[in-house]
Amino acid sequence: MKITNLKDPKEFLKILDECKGKVELITADGDRLNLKSKLCQIISLDTIFSSTTEIPELEIVAHELEDSKRIMEYLTRA
């Protein structure tokens, strides 16, 4: 799923921590970062999220339907 205008990356990562299955961030180069991994979260925060307070666009893959719903619910509230 493509996510646009993510305003609070740290809160978004908290939502991802609640997910049961694998959640991946697809980078511009096509690499897949496992966002359930704390190491990948740190790398993401340091490289992608620290460059700006608002992220214009991300591509996320949630492998469990329940996790996709959780992410969508967060995005509609945010």
C-alpha atoms as a PDB file:
ATOM      1  CA  MET A   1       0.000   0.000   0.000  1.00  0.00           C
ATOM      2  CA  LYS A   2       1.203   3.501  -0.735  1.00  0.00           C
ATOM      3  CA  ILE A   3       1.086   5.905   2.164  1.00  0.00           C
ATOM      4  CA  THR A   4       1.260   9.628   1.552  1.00  0.00           C
ATOM      5  CA  ASN A   5       1.874  12.590   3.850  1.00  0.00           C
ATOM      6  CA  LEU A   6       2.860  10.624   6.940  1.00  0.00           C
ATOM      7  CA  LYS A   7       3.097  13.305   9.611  1.00  0.00           C
ATOM      8  CA  ASP A   8       4.245  11.351  12.694  1.00  0.00           C
ATOM      9  CA  PRO A   9       6.765   8.617  11.771  1.00  0.00           C
ATOM     10  CA  LYS A  10       7.457   7.641  15.401  1.00  0.00           C
ATOM     11  CA  GLU A  11       3.765   7.084  16.126  1.00  0.00           C
ATOM     12  CA  PHE A  12       3.483   5.138  12.870  1.00  0.00           C
ATOM     13  CA  LEU A  13       6.315   2.837  13.998  1.00  0.00           C
ATOM     14  CA  LYS A  14       4.431   2.214  17.266  1.00  0.00           C
ATOM     15  CA  ILE A  15       1.470   1.014  15.208  1.00  0.00           C
ATOM     16  CA  LEU A  16       3.772  -1.259  13.231  1.00  0.00           C
ATOM     17  CA  ASP A  17       5.093  -2.734  16.487  1.00  0.00           C
ATOM     18  CA  GLU A  18       1.527  -3.858  17.251  1.00  0.00           C
ATOM     19  CA  CYS A  19       1.294  -5.785  13.982  1.00  0.00           C
ATOM     20  CA  LYS A  20       1.425  -9.588  14.213  1.00  0.00           C
ATOM     21  CA  GLY A  21       3.006 -10.407  10.850  1.00  0.00           C
ATOM     22  CA  LYS A  22       5.777  -9.106   8.662  1.00  0.00           C
ATOM     23  CA  VAL A  23       5.574  -5.455   7.577  1.00  0.00           C
ATOM     24  CA  GLU A  24       8.046  -4.217   4.991  1.00  0.00           C
ATOM     25  CA  LEU A  25       9.070  -0.815   3.697  1.00  0.00           C
ATOM     26  CA  ILE A  26       9.887  -0.790  -0.013  1.00  0.00           C
ATOM     27  CA  THR A  27      12.712   1.677  -0.665  1.00  0.00           C
ATOM     28  CA  ALA A  28      13.136   3.742  -3.831  1.00  0.00           C
ATOM     29  CA  ASP A  29      15.805   1.212  -4.898  1.00  0.00           C
ATOM     30  CA  GLY A  30      13.362  -1.682  -4.472  1.00  0.00           C
ATOM     31  CA  ASP A  31      14.958  -2.989  -1.271  1.00  0.00           C
ATOM     32  CA  ARG A  32      12.635  -4.393   1.382  1.00  0.00           C
ATOM     33  CA  LEU A  33      13.218  -3.391   4.997  1.00  0.00           C
ATOM     34  CA  ASN A  34      11.489  -5.430   7.697  1.00  0.00           C
ATOM     35  CA  LEU A  35       9.863  -2.741   9.837  1.00  0.00           C
ATOM     36  CA  LYS A  36       9.190  -5.248  12.618  1.00  0.00           C
ATOM     37  CA  SER A  37      12.958  -5.296  13.173  1.00  0.00           C
ATOM     38  CA  LYS A  38      14.199  -2.672  15.609  1.00  0.00           C
ATOM     39  CA  LEU A  39      17.452  -2.413  13.630  1.00  0.00           C
ATOM     40  CA  CYS A  40      15.553  -1.645  10.415  1.00  0.00           C
ATOM     41  CA  GLN A  41      13.384   0.861  12.293  1.00  0.00           C
ATOM     42  CA  ILE A  42      16.499   2.647  13.525  1.00  0.00           C
ATOM     43  CA  ILE A  43      17.973   2.673  10.025  1.00  0.00           C
ATOM     44  CA  SER A  44      14.674   3.971   8.628  1.00  0.00           C
ATOM     45  CA  LEU A  45      14.423   6.675  11.268  1.00  0.00           C
ATOM     46  CA  ASP A  46      18.000   7.711  10.698  1.00  0.00           C
ATOM     47  CA  THR A  47      17.945   7.814   6.905  1.00  0.00           C
ATOM     48  CA  ILE A  48      14.377   8.267   5.696  1.00  0.00           C
ATOM     49  CA  PHE A  49      12.459   9.746   8.596  1.00  0.00           C
ATOM     50  CA  SER A  50      15.071  12.129  10.004  1.00  0.00           C
ATOM     51  CA  SER A  51      15.409  14.115   6.795  1.00  0.00           C
ATOM     52  CA  THR A  52      11.972  15.669   7.277  1.00  0.00           C
ATOM     53  CA  THR A  53       9.136  15.799   9.767  1.00  0.00           C
ATOM     54  CA  GLU A  54       6.610  14.788   7.122  1.00  0.00           C
ATOM     55  CA  ILE A  55       7.139  11.852   4.773  1.00  0.00           C
ATOM     56  CA  PRO A  56       5.557  12.560   1.362  1.00  0.00           C
ATOM     57  CA  GLU A  57       5.224   8.919   0.222  1.00  0.00           C
ATOM     58  CA  LEU A  58       6.038   5.405   1.440  1.00  0.00           C
ATOM     59  CA  GLU A  59       5.274   1.978   0.108  1.00  0.00           C
ATOM     60  CA  ILE A  60       4.447  -0.551   2.815  1.00  0.00           C
ATOM     61  CA  VAL A  61       3.620  -4.244   2.465  1.00  0.00           C
ATOM     62  CA  ALA A  62       1.767  -5.880   5.365  1.00  0.00           C
ATOM     63  CA  HIS A  63       1.623  -9.647   4.984  1.00  0.00           C
ATOM     64  CA  GLU A  64      -1.374 -10.156   7.300  1.00  0.00           C
ATOM     65  CA  LEU A  65      -4.852  -8.790   6.525  1.00  0.00           C
ATOM     66  CA  GLU A  66      -5.333  -7.841  10.187  1.00  0.00           C
ATOM     67  CA  ASP A  67      -2.154  -5.761  10.056  1.00  0.00           C
ATOM     68  CA  SER A  68      -3.265  -3.993   6.873  1.00  0.00           C
ATOM     69  CA  LYS A  69      -6.530  -3.084   8.608  1.00  0.00           C
ATOM     70  CA  ARG A  70      -4.652  -1.821  11.688  1.00  0.00           C
ATOM     71  CA  ILE A  71      -2.436   0.406   9.518  1.00  0.00           C
ATOM     72  CA  MET A  72      -5.415   1.730   7.524  1.00  0.00           C
ATOM     73  CA  GLU A  73      -7.319   2.526  10.730  1.00  0.00           C
ATOM     74  CA  TYR A  74      -4.336   4.477  12.026  1.00  0.00           C
ATOM     75  CA  LEU A  75      -3.990   6.397   8.769  1.00  0.00           C
ATOM     76  CA  THR A  76      -7.654   7.380   8.716  1.00  0.00           C
ATOM     77  CA  ARG A  77      -7.389   8.685  12.307  1.00  0.00           C
ATOM     78  CA  ALA A  78      -4.125  10.565  11.781  1.00  0.00           C
END
